[in-house]
């Protein structure tokens, strides 16, 4: 997909702040330091649209990005970050749950995991949660360039088995360094947009 326009519309914490443009939305979820912002920037061919940070847990709002006036990416706060108070984590949880369960424009979720490691308990919990609410999921197994080519199939299999991915849910090996998986990710996102 050629991205001519990509801009942050709003950072929202309440439903009344959500955009009213009625564009299909794709949410992006992942652990705090998994490279969500890097994935967004790579897909949109922008350097710093989504802010990457060496400090995990920076995203504390739902960040809505307008893409070409035809799609909205919604960057969801990272999960599994310890240095946040329980109360703050609970309020994030509530905000995310409200969005995922009530937003009519939501077409599906891109869940980002690190292919180098076995999915965490939080990764599994998030996937189960999305499936419970019958949301389509695309799993992006990022940092593929950090795993040798011959070991990648084993790592992908480990992610698939640990998460018990359902047949309809795609898993895509992705690397922001090499651009691997970018076209495939767009293809799947476009497919979700039309559902």
N, C-alpha and C. Protein backbone atom coordinates (compact mmCIF):
# COMPACT_ATOMS: atom_id res chain seq x y z
N UNK A 1 0.85 -1.19 0.00
CA UNK A 1 0.00 0.00 0.00
C UNK A 1 0.88 1.25 0.00
N UNK A 2 0.60 2.16 -0.88
CA UNK A 2 1.37 3.41 -0.93
C UNK A 2 0.75 4.38 0.07
N UNK A 3 1.56 4.81 1.02
CA UNK A 3 1.05 5.72 2.05
C UNK A 3 1.42 7.15 1.68
N UNK A 4 0.40 7.94 1.30
CA UNK A 4 0.62 9.34 0.95
C UNK A 4 0.36 10.25 2.13
N UNK A 5 -0.50 9.76 3.03
CA UNK A 5 -0.86 10.60 4.17
C UNK A 5 -0.89 9.73 5.43
N UNK A 6 -0.21 10.17 6.46
CA UNK A 6 -0.23 9.46 7.74
C UNK A 6 -0.06 10.49 8.84
N UNK A 7 -1.07 10.60 9.68
CA UNK A 7 -0.98 11.62 10.74
C UNK A 7 -1.68 11.15 12.00
N UNK A 8 -1.15 11.60 13.12
CA UNK A 8 -1.79 11.32 14.41
C UNK A 8 -3.00 12.24 14.52
N UNK A 9 -4.20 11.65 14.68
CA UNK A 9 -5.41 12.48 14.79
C UNK A 9 -5.61 12.90 16.24
N UNK A 10 -5.56 11.91 17.14
CA UNK A 10 -5.81 12.22 18.56
C UNK A 10 -5.24 11.11 19.44
N UNK A 11 -4.83 11.50 20.64
CA UNK A 11 -4.49 10.54 21.69
C UNK A 11 -5.66 10.58 22.66
N UNK A 12 -6.42 9.48 22.70
CA UNK A 12 -7.68 9.48 23.45
C UNK A 12 -7.61 8.58 24.67
N UNK A 13 -8.37 8.95 25.70
CA UNK A 13 -8.53 8.07 26.86
C UNK A 13 -10.00 7.73 27.10
N UNK A 14 -10.89 8.51 26.50
CA UNK A 14 -12.33 8.27 26.68
C UNK A 14 -13.05 8.14 25.34
N UNK A 15 -14.15 7.40 25.35
CA UNK A 15 -14.87 7.11 24.10
C UNK A 15 -15.30 8.39 23.38
N UNK A 16 -15.66 9.42 24.12
CA UNK A 16 -16.13 10.64 23.45
C UNK A 16 -15.01 11.36 22.67
N UNK A 17 -13.75 10.96 22.93
CA UNK A 17 -12.64 11.57 22.20
C UNK A 17 -12.31 10.82 20.91
N UNK A 18 -12.87 9.63 20.73
CA UNK A 18 -12.56 8.84 19.53
C UNK A 18 -12.95 9.61 18.28
N UNK A 19 -12.21 9.44 17.18
CA UNK A 19 -12.56 10.13 15.93
C UNK A 19 -13.95 9.74 15.44
N UNK A 20 -14.60 10.68 14.77
CA UNK A 20 -15.96 10.44 14.27
C UNK A 20 -15.96 10.17 12.76
N UNK A 21 -14.78 9.88 12.19
CA UNK A 21 -14.68 9.78 10.73
C UNK A 21 -15.20 8.48 10.14
N UNK A 22 -15.54 7.51 10.99
CA UNK A 22 -16.15 6.24 10.53
C UNK A 22 -15.25 5.39 9.63
N UNK A 23 -13.94 5.65 9.62
CA UNK A 23 -13.02 4.82 8.83
C UNK A 23 -12.81 3.48 9.54
N UNK A 24 -12.53 2.39 8.78
CA UNK A 24 -12.23 1.13 9.44
C UNK A 24 -10.97 1.27 10.30
N UNK A 25 -10.96 0.61 11.45
CA UNK A 25 -9.82 0.73 12.37
C UNK A 25 -9.16 -0.62 12.60
N UNK A 26 -7.84 -0.57 12.68
CA UNK A 26 -7.02 -1.74 13.02
C UNK A 26 -6.26 -1.36 14.28
N UNK A 27 -6.46 -2.13 15.36
CA UNK A 27 -5.74 -1.87 16.61
C UNK A 27 -4.41 -2.61 16.59
N UNK A 28 -3.41 -2.04 17.23
CA UNK A 28 -2.10 -2.68 17.34
C UNK A 28 -1.78 -2.89 18.81
N UNK A 29 -1.54 -4.15 19.17
CA UNK A 29 -1.30 -4.49 20.57
C UNK A 29 -0.01 -5.28 20.69
N UNK A 30 0.65 -5.14 21.84
CA UNK A 30 1.88 -5.89 22.07
C UNK A 30 2.49 -5.51 23.40
N UNK A 31 3.47 -6.29 23.82
CA UNK A 31 4.17 -5.96 25.06
C UNK A 31 4.86 -4.61 24.92
N UNK A 32 5.15 -4.00 26.05
CA UNK A 32 5.70 -2.64 26.05
C UNK A 32 6.94 -2.43 25.21
N UNK A 33 7.83 -3.41 25.14
CA UNK A 33 9.10 -3.16 24.44
C UNK A 33 9.24 -4.03 23.20
N UNK A 34 8.12 -4.38 22.58
CA UNK A 34 8.17 -5.36 21.48
C UNK A 34 8.43 -4.71 20.11
N UNK A 35 8.34 -3.39 20.05
CA UNK A 35 8.62 -2.70 18.78
C UNK A 35 7.38 -2.31 18.00
N UNK A 36 6.30 -1.98 18.73
CA UNK A 36 5.04 -1.59 18.09
C UNK A 36 5.21 -0.30 17.27
N UNK A 37 5.84 0.70 17.88
CA UNK A 37 6.04 1.99 17.19
C UNK A 37 6.90 1.80 15.95
N UNK A 38 7.94 0.97 16.07
CA UNK A 38 8.82 0.69 14.93
C UNK A 38 8.03 0.01 13.81
N UNK A 39 7.15 -0.91 14.18
CA UNK A 39 6.31 -1.60 13.19
C UNK A 39 5.42 -0.58 12.47
N UNK A 40 4.78 0.31 13.23
CA UNK A 40 3.90 1.34 12.63
C UNK A 40 4.71 2.22 11.67
N UNK A 41 5.86 2.71 12.15
CA UNK A 41 6.69 3.60 11.32
C UNK A 41 7.17 2.90 10.05
N UNK A 42 7.52 1.60 10.16
CA UNK A 42 7.99 0.84 8.98
C UNK A 42 6.86 0.69 7.98
N UNK A 43 5.67 0.33 8.46
CA UNK A 43 4.53 0.14 7.58
C UNK A 43 4.17 1.43 6.85
N UNK A 44 4.28 2.54 7.57
CA UNK A 44 3.87 3.83 7.01
C UNK A 44 5.00 4.56 6.31
N UNK A 45 6.18 3.95 6.30
CA UNK A 45 7.39 4.55 5.72
C UNK A 45 7.61 5.96 6.29
N UNK A 46 7.51 6.05 7.59
CA UNK A 46 7.77 7.31 8.30
C UNK A 46 8.80 7.03 9.39
N UNK A 47 9.66 8.01 9.65
CA UNK A 47 10.69 7.79 10.66
C UNK A 47 10.14 7.84 12.08
N UNK A 48 9.45 8.93 12.40
CA UNK A 48 9.09 9.14 13.80
C UNK A 48 7.63 9.49 14.03
N UNK A 49 6.74 8.94 13.21
CA UNK A 49 5.32 9.26 13.41
C UNK A 49 4.86 8.69 14.75
N UNK A 50 5.09 7.39 14.94
CA UNK A 50 4.83 6.78 16.25
C UNK A 50 6.14 6.86 17.02
N UNK A 51 6.10 7.42 18.21
CA UNK A 51 7.35 7.65 18.94
C UNK A 51 7.89 6.37 19.53
N UNK A 52 9.15 6.08 19.12
CA UNK A 52 9.83 4.93 19.71
C UNK A 52 10.58 5.46 20.93
N UNK A 53 10.72 4.61 21.92
CA UNK A 53 11.36 5.05 23.15
C UNK A 53 12.19 3.93 23.73
N UNK A 54 13.30 4.31 24.35
CA UNK A 54 14.11 3.29 25.02
C UNK A 54 13.46 2.92 26.35
N UNK A 55 12.52 3.77 26.79
CA UNK A 55 11.79 3.48 28.03
C UNK A 55 10.46 2.84 27.66
N UNK A 56 10.30 1.53 27.98
CA UNK A 56 9.02 0.90 27.66
C UNK A 56 7.87 1.50 28.47
N UNK A 57 6.66 1.30 27.97
CA UNK A 57 5.49 1.77 28.71
C UNK A 57 5.16 3.22 28.49
N UNK A 58 5.67 3.81 27.38
CA UNK A 58 5.43 5.23 27.12
C UNK A 58 4.01 5.51 26.64
N UNK A 59 3.43 4.60 25.85
CA UNK A 59 2.09 4.84 25.32
C UNK A 59 1.08 4.62 26.44
N UNK A 60 0.37 5.67 26.82
CA UNK A 60 -0.61 5.56 27.90
C UNK A 60 -2.00 5.96 27.44
N UNK A 61 -2.11 6.16 26.14
CA UNK A 61 -3.40 6.57 25.57
C UNK A 61 -3.65 5.70 24.33
N UNK A 62 -4.85 5.79 23.78
CA UNK A 62 -5.13 5.15 22.49
C UNK A 62 -4.77 6.19 21.43
N UNK A 63 -3.75 5.90 20.63
CA UNK A 63 -3.30 6.85 19.61
C UNK A 63 -3.89 6.49 18.26
N UNK A 64 -4.69 7.39 17.70
CA UNK A 64 -5.39 7.16 16.43
C UNK A 64 -4.62 7.82 15.29
N UNK A 65 -4.21 7.02 14.30
CA UNK A 65 -3.48 7.53 13.14
C UNK A 65 -4.32 7.38 11.88
N UNK A 66 -4.53 8.48 11.18
CA UNK A 66 -5.27 8.46 9.91
C UNK A 66 -4.30 8.09 8.79
N UNK A 67 -4.62 7.04 8.04
CA UNK A 67 -3.78 6.61 6.92
C UNK A 67 -4.56 6.83 5.62
N UNK A 68 -4.09 7.76 4.79
CA UNK A 68 -4.67 8.01 3.45
C UNK A 68 -6.18 8.30 3.48
N UNK A 69 -6.72 8.71 4.60
CA UNK A 69 -8.17 8.95 4.74
C UNK A 69 -8.99 7.70 4.42
N UNK A 70 -8.38 6.50 4.53
CA UNK A 70 -9.14 5.28 4.26
C UNK A 70 -9.04 4.25 5.38
N UNK A 71 -8.19 4.52 6.35
CA UNK A 71 -7.95 3.55 7.42
C UNK A 71 -7.40 4.27 8.64
N UNK A 72 -7.69 3.74 9.82
CA UNK A 72 -7.11 4.29 11.05
C UNK A 72 -6.37 3.18 11.79
N UNK A 73 -5.10 3.46 12.14
CA UNK A 73 -4.36 2.57 13.03
C UNK A 73 -4.60 3.09 14.45
N UNK A 74 -4.83 2.16 15.38
CA UNK A 74 -5.02 2.57 16.78
C UNK A 74 -3.95 1.86 17.62
N UNK A 75 -2.99 2.65 18.08
CA UNK A 75 -1.90 2.13 18.90
C UNK A 75 -2.39 2.07 20.34
N UNK A 76 -2.41 0.84 20.86
CA UNK A 76 -2.95 0.58 22.20
C UNK A 76 -1.79 0.54 23.20
N UNK A 77 -1.95 1.01 24.45
CA UNK A 77 -0.84 0.95 25.41
C UNK A 77 -0.27 -0.47 25.53
N UNK A 78 1.05 -0.54 25.61
CA UNK A 78 1.72 -1.84 25.74
C UNK A 78 1.34 -2.52 27.04
N UNK A 79 1.28 -3.84 26.99
CA UNK A 79 0.94 -4.58 28.22
C UNK A 79 2.19 -5.23 28.82
N UNK A 80 2.06 -5.63 30.07
CA UNK A 80 3.15 -6.37 30.71
C UNK A 80 4.29 -5.51 31.21
N UNK A 81 4.06 -4.21 31.34
CA UNK A 81 5.16 -3.36 31.83
C UNK A 81 5.04 -3.17 33.33
N UNK A 82 6.09 -3.53 34.05
CA UNK A 82 6.03 -3.61 35.52
C UNK A 82 6.09 -2.26 36.24
N UNK A 83 6.77 -1.27 35.66
CA UNK A 83 7.03 -0.03 36.41
C UNK A 83 5.85 0.94 36.41
N UNK A 84 4.66 0.40 36.40
CA UNK A 84 3.46 1.23 36.40
C UNK A 84 2.62 0.76 37.58
N UNK A 85 2.00 1.71 38.27
CA UNK A 85 1.20 1.32 39.43
C UNK A 85 0.03 0.43 39.03
N UNK A 86 -0.41 -0.39 39.98
CA UNK A 86 -1.54 -1.30 39.71
C UNK A 86 -2.77 -0.52 39.29
N UNK A 87 -3.00 0.61 39.94
CA UNK A 87 -4.18 1.43 39.63
C UNK A 87 -4.11 1.93 38.19
N UNK A 88 -2.91 2.37 37.79
CA UNK A 88 -2.75 2.89 36.43
C UNK A 88 -2.95 1.76 35.41
N UNK A 89 -2.39 0.58 35.73
CA UNK A 89 -2.56 -0.58 34.84
C UNK A 89 -4.04 -0.94 34.71
N UNK A 90 -4.77 -0.87 35.83
CA UNK A 90 -6.20 -1.20 35.82
C UNK A 90 -6.97 -0.21 34.96
N UNK A 91 -6.61 1.07 35.05
CA UNK A 91 -7.33 2.08 34.25
C UNK A 91 -7.03 1.90 32.77
N UNK A 92 -5.78 1.53 32.43
CA UNK A 92 -5.45 1.22 31.04
C UNK A 92 -6.29 0.06 30.57
N UNK A 93 -6.32 -0.98 31.43
CA UNK A 93 -7.07 -2.20 31.08
C UNK A 93 -8.51 -1.88 30.74
N UNK A 94 -9.10 -1.03 31.56
CA UNK A 94 -10.50 -0.64 31.36
C UNK A 94 -10.66 0.13 30.05
N UNK A 95 -9.74 1.05 29.80
CA UNK A 95 -9.79 1.86 28.58
C UNK A 95 -9.66 0.96 27.34
N UNK A 96 -8.71 0.01 27.38
CA UNK A 96 -8.49 -0.89 26.25
C UNK A 96 -9.69 -1.80 26.05
N UNK A 97 -10.23 -2.33 27.15
CA UNK A 97 -11.38 -3.23 27.05
C UNK A 97 -12.59 -2.52 26.45
N UNK A 98 -12.84 -1.30 26.90
CA UNK A 98 -13.95 -0.52 26.36
C UNK A 98 -13.77 -0.34 24.86
N UNK A 99 -12.57 0.03 24.46
CA UNK A 99 -12.31 0.23 23.03
C UNK A 99 -12.53 -1.07 22.24
N UNK A 100 -11.90 -2.15 22.69
CA UNK A 100 -11.95 -3.41 21.93
C UNK A 100 -13.35 -4.02 21.87
N UNK A 101 -14.14 -3.79 22.90
CA UNK A 101 -15.46 -4.44 22.93
C UNK A 101 -16.58 -3.57 22.38
N UNK A 102 -16.38 -2.25 22.34
CA UNK A 102 -17.50 -1.38 21.96
C UNK A 102 -17.32 -0.62 20.65
N UNK A 103 -16.10 -0.57 20.13
CA UNK A 103 -15.85 0.26 18.95
C UNK A 103 -16.33 -0.42 17.66
N UNK A 104 -17.33 0.15 17.05
CA UNK A 104 -17.92 -0.46 15.85
C UNK A 104 -17.00 -0.44 14.64
N UNK A 105 -16.10 0.54 14.59
CA UNK A 105 -15.20 0.67 13.44
C UNK A 105 -14.05 -0.34 13.46
N UNK A 106 -13.84 -0.99 14.61
CA UNK A 106 -12.71 -1.92 14.75
C UNK A 106 -12.91 -3.16 13.88
N UNK A 107 -11.95 -3.42 12.99
CA UNK A 107 -12.04 -4.57 12.08
C UNK A 107 -11.20 -5.76 12.52
N UNK A 108 -10.18 -5.48 13.33
CA UNK A 108 -9.30 -6.56 13.78
C UNK A 108 -8.11 -6.00 14.53
N UNK A 109 -7.27 -6.91 15.03
CA UNK A 109 -6.13 -6.50 15.85
C UNK A 109 -4.85 -7.12 15.31
N UNK A 110 -3.81 -6.29 15.21
CA UNK A 110 -2.47 -6.78 14.91
C UNK A 110 -1.79 -6.97 16.26
N UNK A 111 -1.47 -8.21 16.59
CA UNK A 111 -0.77 -8.47 17.86
C UNK A 111 0.69 -8.74 17.55
N UNK A 112 1.56 -7.95 18.17
CA UNK A 112 2.98 -8.03 17.86
C UNK A 112 3.71 -8.79 18.96
N UNK A 113 4.48 -9.81 18.53
CA UNK A 113 5.28 -10.59 19.47
C UNK A 113 6.72 -10.61 18.96
N UNK A 114 7.65 -10.91 19.84
CA UNK A 114 9.07 -11.01 19.49
C UNK A 114 9.37 -12.45 19.13
N UNK A 115 9.73 -12.69 17.87
CA UNK A 115 9.92 -14.07 17.39
C UNK A 115 11.07 -14.78 18.11
N UNK A 116 11.98 -14.02 18.71
CA UNK A 116 13.15 -14.63 19.36
C UNK A 116 12.77 -15.38 20.63
N UNK A 117 11.66 -14.96 21.25
CA UNK A 117 11.29 -15.53 22.55
C UNK A 117 9.95 -16.23 22.50
N UNK A 118 9.78 -17.17 23.41
CA UNK A 118 8.48 -17.82 23.55
C UNK A 118 7.49 -16.75 23.99
N UNK A 119 6.26 -16.74 23.44
CA UNK A 119 5.29 -15.72 23.87
C UNK A 119 5.11 -15.72 25.39
N UNK A 120 4.99 -14.52 25.95
CA UNK A 120 4.85 -14.38 27.41
C UNK A 120 3.42 -14.73 27.83
N UNK A 121 3.24 -14.84 29.13
CA UNK A 121 1.90 -15.10 29.68
C UNK A 121 0.94 -14.00 29.24
N UNK A 122 1.45 -12.74 29.20
CA UNK A 122 0.60 -11.61 28.77
C UNK A 122 0.22 -11.72 27.30
N UNK A 123 1.17 -12.21 26.46
CA UNK A 123 0.87 -12.41 25.03
C UNK A 123 -0.27 -13.41 24.87
N UNK A 124 -0.17 -14.51 25.61
CA UNK A 124 -1.20 -15.56 25.52
C UNK A 124 -2.54 -15.05 26.01
N UNK A 125 -2.48 -14.30 27.11
CA UNK A 125 -3.70 -13.74 27.70
C UNK A 125 -4.38 -12.79 26.72
N UNK A 126 -3.58 -11.95 26.06
CA UNK A 126 -4.12 -10.98 25.10
C UNK A 126 -4.78 -11.72 23.93
N UNK A 127 -4.11 -12.74 23.41
CA UNK A 127 -4.66 -13.49 22.28
C UNK A 127 -5.99 -14.15 22.68
N UNK A 128 -6.00 -14.78 23.85
CA UNK A 128 -7.23 -15.44 24.34
C UNK A 128 -8.36 -14.42 24.49
N UNK A 129 -8.00 -13.28 24.99
CA UNK A 129 -8.96 -12.18 25.20
C UNK A 129 -9.57 -11.74 23.87
N UNK A 130 -8.71 -11.56 22.86
CA UNK A 130 -9.18 -11.13 21.53
C UNK A 130 -10.09 -12.19 20.91
N UNK A 131 -9.72 -13.44 21.10
CA UNK A 131 -10.54 -14.53 20.54
C UNK A 131 -11.88 -14.63 21.29
N UNK A 132 -11.84 -14.37 22.58
CA UNK A 132 -13.08 -14.41 23.38
C UNK A 132 -14.08 -13.40 22.82
N UNK A 133 -13.59 -12.24 22.41
CA UNK A 133 -14.46 -11.21 21.85
C UNK A 133 -14.61 -11.35 20.33
N UNK A 134 -14.13 -12.48 19.81
CA UNK A 134 -14.29 -12.83 18.39
C UNK A 134 -13.71 -11.78 17.45
N UNK A 135 -12.55 -11.27 17.84
CA UNK A 135 -11.87 -10.28 16.99
C UNK A 135 -10.83 -10.99 16.11
N UNK A 136 -10.81 -10.71 14.81
CA UNK A 136 -9.77 -11.29 13.96
C UNK A 136 -8.40 -10.78 14.39
N UNK A 137 -7.40 -11.66 14.32
CA UNK A 137 -6.05 -11.30 14.76
C UNK A 137 -5.03 -11.62 13.67
N UNK A 138 -4.09 -10.69 13.47
CA UNK A 138 -2.90 -10.96 12.66
C UNK A 138 -1.74 -10.93 13.65
N UNK A 139 -0.96 -12.00 13.72
CA UNK A 139 0.20 -12.01 14.63
C UNK A 139 1.43 -11.63 13.81
N UNK A 140 2.10 -10.57 14.27
CA UNK A 140 3.35 -10.14 13.63
C UNK A 140 4.49 -10.59 14.54
N UNK A 141 5.30 -11.50 14.01
CA UNK A 141 6.46 -12.00 14.77
C UNK A 141 7.66 -11.17 14.33
N UNK A 142 7.96 -10.17 15.13
CA UNK A 142 8.94 -9.16 14.74
C UNK A 142 10.37 -9.57 15.13
N UNK A 143 11.34 -8.75 14.69
CA UNK A 143 12.77 -8.96 14.94
C UNK A 143 13.29 -10.23 14.25
N UNK A 144 12.70 -10.56 13.09
CA UNK A 144 13.11 -11.75 12.34
C UNK A 144 14.58 -11.71 11.96
N UNK A 145 15.11 -10.49 11.72
CA UNK A 145 16.51 -10.38 11.31
C UNK A 145 17.48 -10.79 12.40
N UNK A 146 16.99 -10.88 13.66
CA UNK A 146 17.86 -11.26 14.78
C UNK A 146 17.95 -12.79 14.95
N UNK A 147 17.20 -13.52 14.11
CA UNK A 147 17.21 -14.99 14.16
C UNK A 147 17.77 -15.50 12.83
N UNK A 148 18.69 -16.46 12.89
CA UNK A 148 19.27 -16.96 11.64
C UNK A 148 18.19 -17.61 10.77
N UNK A 149 18.37 -17.49 9.45
CA UNK A 149 17.35 -17.97 8.49
C UNK A 149 16.88 -19.39 8.76
N UNK A 150 17.83 -20.29 9.02
CA UNK A 150 17.44 -21.70 9.19
C UNK A 150 16.72 -21.97 10.51
N UNK A 151 16.81 -21.02 11.47
CA UNK A 151 16.12 -21.22 12.75
C UNK A 151 14.73 -20.57 12.78
N UNK A 152 14.45 -19.72 11.80
CA UNK A 152 13.18 -18.97 11.80
C UNK A 152 11.95 -19.87 11.81
N UNK A 153 11.87 -20.94 10.96
CA UNK A 153 10.68 -21.79 10.99
C UNK A 153 10.40 -22.38 12.37
N UNK A 154 11.48 -22.75 13.07
CA UNK A 154 11.33 -23.32 14.42
C UNK A 154 10.73 -22.28 15.38
N UNK A 155 11.22 -21.05 15.26
CA UNK A 155 10.72 -19.98 16.13
C UNK A 155 9.25 -19.65 15.83
N UNK A 156 8.89 -19.63 14.55
CA UNK A 156 7.50 -19.36 14.16
C UNK A 156 6.60 -20.46 14.71
N UNK A 157 7.06 -21.70 14.60
CA UNK A 157 6.29 -22.84 15.09
C UNK A 157 6.09 -22.71 16.62
N UNK A 158 7.14 -22.28 17.30
CA UNK A 158 7.06 -22.10 18.76
C UNK A 158 5.98 -21.08 19.13
N UNK A 159 5.93 -19.97 18.38
CA UNK A 159 4.91 -18.93 18.63
C UNK A 159 3.52 -19.49 18.36
N UNK A 160 3.36 -20.14 17.21
CA UNK A 160 2.06 -20.72 16.82
C UNK A 160 1.55 -21.68 17.88
N UNK A 161 2.43 -22.58 18.31
CA UNK A 161 2.02 -23.62 19.27
C UNK A 161 1.73 -23.03 20.64
N UNK A 162 2.60 -22.12 21.10
CA UNK A 162 2.41 -21.52 22.44
C UNK A 162 1.11 -20.73 22.50
N UNK A 163 0.80 -20.02 21.41
CA UNK A 163 -0.41 -19.19 21.40
C UNK A 163 -1.65 -19.98 20.97
N UNK A 164 -1.41 -21.19 20.48
CA UNK A 164 -2.51 -22.03 19.95
C UNK A 164 -3.34 -21.22 18.95
N UNK A 165 -2.63 -20.70 17.94
CA UNK A 165 -3.27 -19.86 16.93
C UNK A 165 -4.36 -20.63 16.19
N UNK A 166 -5.48 -19.97 16.01
CA UNK A 166 -6.57 -20.57 15.24
C UNK A 166 -6.24 -20.47 13.76
N UNK A 167 -6.78 -21.41 12.99
CA UNK A 167 -6.45 -21.53 11.55
C UNK A 167 -6.60 -20.21 10.79
N UNK A 168 -7.66 -19.47 11.11
CA UNK A 168 -7.91 -18.25 10.32
C UNK A 168 -6.96 -17.11 10.66
N UNK A 169 -6.20 -17.24 11.75
CA UNK A 169 -5.30 -16.15 12.16
C UNK A 169 -3.91 -16.34 11.56
N UNK A 170 -3.49 -15.33 10.82
CA UNK A 170 -2.21 -15.38 10.12
C UNK A 170 -1.07 -15.02 11.08
N UNK A 171 0.10 -15.62 10.82
CA UNK A 171 1.32 -15.19 11.51
C UNK A 171 2.31 -14.76 10.43
N UNK A 172 2.90 -13.59 10.62
CA UNK A 172 3.80 -13.02 9.61
C UNK A 172 5.14 -12.71 10.25
N UNK A 173 6.21 -13.26 9.67
CA UNK A 173 7.56 -12.92 10.11
C UNK A 173 7.88 -11.52 9.63
N UNK A 174 8.38 -10.69 10.52
CA UNK A 174 8.56 -9.27 10.17
C UNK A 174 9.92 -8.77 10.65
N UNK A 175 10.51 -7.90 9.85
CA UNK A 175 11.75 -7.24 10.26
C UNK A 175 11.72 -5.79 9.80
N UNK A 176 11.83 -4.87 10.75
CA UNK A 176 11.88 -3.45 10.40
C UNK A 176 13.21 -3.14 9.70
N UNK A 177 14.24 -3.91 10.03
CA UNK A 177 15.58 -3.70 9.45
C UNK A 177 15.58 -4.01 7.95
N UNK A 178 15.01 -5.15 7.57
CA UNK A 178 15.11 -5.60 6.18
C UNK A 178 13.82 -5.34 5.38
N UNK A 179 12.74 -5.02 6.09
CA UNK A 179 11.46 -4.81 5.40
C UNK A 179 10.71 -6.12 5.16
N UNK A 180 11.28 -7.22 5.64
CA UNK A 180 10.60 -8.53 5.47
C UNK A 180 9.22 -8.49 6.12
N UNK A 181 8.22 -8.98 5.39
CA UNK A 181 6.87 -9.09 5.96
C UNK A 181 6.02 -7.85 5.79
N UNK A 182 6.60 -6.76 5.29
CA UNK A 182 5.85 -5.50 5.18
C UNK A 182 4.68 -5.64 4.20
N UNK A 183 4.97 -6.16 3.00
CA UNK A 183 3.91 -6.32 1.99
C UNK A 183 2.83 -7.28 2.46
N UNK A 184 3.27 -8.38 3.07
CA UNK A 184 2.33 -9.39 3.56
C UNK A 184 1.43 -8.81 4.65
N UNK A 185 2.04 -8.00 5.53
CA UNK A 185 1.26 -7.36 6.61
C UNK A 185 0.19 -6.45 6.01
N UNK A 186 0.57 -5.66 5.00
CA UNK A 186 -0.40 -4.77 4.35
C UNK A 186 -1.52 -5.56 3.68
N UNK A 187 -1.15 -6.68 3.07
CA UNK A 187 -2.15 -7.50 2.38
C UNK A 187 -3.20 -7.99 3.38
N UNK A 188 -2.74 -8.46 4.53
CA UNK A 188 -3.66 -8.96 5.56
C UNK A 188 -4.50 -7.84 6.17
N UNK A 189 -3.88 -6.67 6.36
CA UNK A 189 -4.60 -5.52 6.91
C UNK A 189 -5.69 -5.08 5.94
N UNK A 190 -5.33 -5.04 4.64
CA UNK A 190 -6.34 -4.67 3.63
C UNK A 190 -7.51 -5.66 3.64
N UNK A 191 -7.16 -6.92 3.83
CA UNK A 191 -8.21 -7.96 3.88
C UNK A 191 -9.16 -7.69 5.06
N UNK A 192 -8.59 -7.34 6.23
CA UNK A 192 -9.43 -7.03 7.41
C UNK A 192 -10.28 -5.78 7.17
N UNK A 193 -9.72 -4.80 6.48
CA UNK A 193 -10.47 -3.56 6.21
C UNK A 193 -11.75 -3.83 5.46
N UNK A 194 -11.73 -4.85 4.61
CA UNK A 194 -12.89 -5.10 3.76
C UNK A 194 -13.90 -6.02 4.42
N UNK A 195 -13.62 -6.49 5.65
CA UNK A 195 -14.58 -7.42 6.31
C UNK A 195 -15.64 -6.65 7.08
